[in-house]
């Protein structure tokens, strides 16, 4: 399955320790040109731990009651954690849950800039 930037997907996401994995949602952040051209894609972790979304500029809150949240396919209010990037093969994506709008992806771009130190 070729993914698109903004897709919310279900993947087997590795723990930071490198030991073990957990099936969880993630957001495809790689550009569509590379998503079509390459077998890999870059994703960021999505977590139900939302306590830092107000204080951490590298995280964005997705509220499932909002129109954007309903299109995401998420079942809980969640944080897109842009400090947790990972590259995966597109063929290991379990399934697409939904997608985020262009407006939300512009906010994600800002979170990624903070996380990567891009001014």
Protein backbone atom coordinates (compact mmCIF):
# COMPACT_ATOMS: atom_id res chain seq x y z
CA UNK A 1 0.00 0.00 0.00
CA UNK A 2 1.47 3.36 -1.01
CA UNK A 3 0.78 5.89 1.70
CA UNK A 4 0.18 9.61 1.42
CA UNK A 5 1.37 12.47 3.58
CA UNK A 6 -1.28 13.06 6.23
CA UNK A 7 -2.44 9.45 6.40
CA UNK A 8 -3.09 8.15 9.91
CA UNK A 9 -1.97 4.53 9.79
CA UNK A 10 -1.75 1.57 12.14
CA UNK A 11 1.78 0.16 12.48
CA UNK A 12 3.92 -2.00 14.72
CA UNK A 13 5.93 0.89 16.25
CA UNK A 14 9.23 0.04 17.98
CA UNK A 15 10.04 1.08 21.54
CA UNK A 16 12.82 3.67 21.86
CA UNK A 17 14.98 1.03 23.60
CA UNK A 18 14.92 -1.04 20.42
CA UNK A 19 13.51 -3.98 22.35
CA UNK A 20 9.91 -4.70 21.52
CA UNK A 21 7.13 -3.09 19.55
CA UNK A 22 3.54 -2.00 20.03
CA UNK A 23 0.75 -1.72 17.49
CA UNK A 24 -0.22 1.94 17.49
CA UNK A 25 -1.35 4.74 15.21
CA UNK A 26 1.20 6.89 13.42
CA UNK A 27 1.13 9.80 11.00
CA UNK A 28 2.83 9.73 7.60
CA UNK A 29 4.90 12.93 7.30
CA UNK A 30 7.06 12.12 4.27
CA UNK A 31 6.26 14.01 1.05
CA UNK A 32 4.08 12.27 -1.51
CA UNK A 33 6.79 12.36 -4.17
CA UNK A 34 8.97 10.16 -2.00
CA UNK A 35 6.02 8.05 -0.86
CA UNK A 36 5.40 7.09 -4.49
CA UNK A 37 9.06 6.71 -5.43
CA UNK A 38 10.40 4.83 -2.39
CA UNK A 39 9.44 1.67 -0.53
CA UNK A 40 9.96 3.45 2.82
CA UNK A 41 8.07 6.28 4.45
CA UNK A 42 8.70 8.51 7.45
CA UNK A 43 6.13 8.46 10.25
CA UNK A 44 5.68 10.08 13.65
CA UNK A 45 4.15 8.46 16.68
CA UNK A 46 0.61 9.14 17.83
CA UNK A 47 -0.11 8.56 21.50
CA UNK A 48 -3.06 8.85 23.87
CA UNK A 49 -0.76 10.58 26.39
CA UNK A 50 -1.84 14.15 25.76
CA UNK A 51 -0.61 15.88 28.92
CA UNK A 52 2.32 17.63 27.21
CA UNK A 53 0.47 18.96 24.15
CA UNK A 54 -0.09 22.38 25.77
CA UNK A 55 3.51 22.83 26.91
CA UNK A 56 5.50 20.95 24.26
CA UNK A 57 5.62 22.72 20.86
CA UNK A 58 6.72 19.50 19.14
CA UNK A 59 3.35 17.86 19.91
CA UNK A 60 -0.10 18.55 18.48
CA UNK A 61 -3.40 17.59 20.10
CA UNK A 62 -5.99 15.89 17.90
CA UNK A 63 -9.42 16.02 19.52
CA UNK A 64 -11.70 13.30 18.19
CA UNK A 65 -14.80 15.50 18.63
CA UNK A 66 -13.45 18.01 16.09
CA UNK A 67 -14.05 17.61 12.33
CA UNK A 68 -10.31 16.90 11.87
CA UNK A 69 -10.40 14.36 14.67
CA UNK A 70 -13.34 12.52 13.13
CA UNK A 71 -11.47 12.18 9.82
CA UNK A 72 -8.36 10.90 11.59
CA UNK A 73 -9.89 7.53 12.47
CA UNK A 74 -8.50 7.83 16.01
CA UNK A 75 -10.69 6.62 18.88
CA UNK A 76 -9.14 8.76 21.67
CA UNK A 77 -7.95 12.33 21.94
CA UNK A 78 -4.32 11.93 20.92
CA UNK A 79 -0.99 13.70 20.63
CA UNK A 80 0.97 13.64 17.40
CA UNK A 81 4.44 13.36 18.88
CA UNK A 82 6.77 14.91 16.30
CA UNK A 83 9.86 14.18 18.38
CA UNK A 84 9.34 10.46 17.72
CA UNK A 85 10.15 9.91 14.04
CA UNK A 86 10.67 6.53 12.44
CA UNK A 87 11.23 5.20 8.93
CA UNK A 88 9.30 2.07 7.95
CA UNK A 89 8.67 0.06 4.83
CA UNK A 90 5.28 0.98 3.43
CA UNK A 91 4.33 -2.67 3.03
CA UNK A 92 4.37 -3.17 6.84
CA UNK A 93 1.59 -0.65 7.38
CA UNK A 94 -1.25 -2.69 8.84
CA UNK A 95 -3.99 -0.37 7.56
CA UNK A 96 -5.02 3.22 7.05
CA UNK A 97 -7.26 4.61 9.81
CA UNK A 98 -7.98 8.03 8.33
CA UNK A 99 -6.19 11.23 7.42
CA UNK A 100 -5.45 14.74 8.65
CA UNK A 101 -6.36 17.88 6.72
CA UNK A 102 -3.92 20.18 4.97
CA UNK A 103 -4.57 22.77 7.70
CA UNK A 104 -3.57 20.32 10.45
CA UNK A 105 -0.54 19.18 8.42
CA UNK A 106 0.68 22.80 8.32
CA UNK A 107 0.57 22.74 12.14
CA UNK A 108 2.42 19.40 12.07
CA UNK A 109 5.09 21.06 9.89
CA UNK A 110 5.62 23.61 12.67
CA UNK A 111 5.91 20.84 15.28
CA UNK A 112 8.47 19.05 13.09
CA UNK A 113 10.49 22.25 12.70
CA UNK A 114 10.65 22.64 16.49
CA UNK A 115 11.59 19.00 16.95
CA UNK A 116 14.34 19.12 14.31
CA UNK A 117 15.61 22.59 15.19
CA UNK A 118 14.72 24.03 11.78
CA UNK A 119 14.17 27.80 11.87
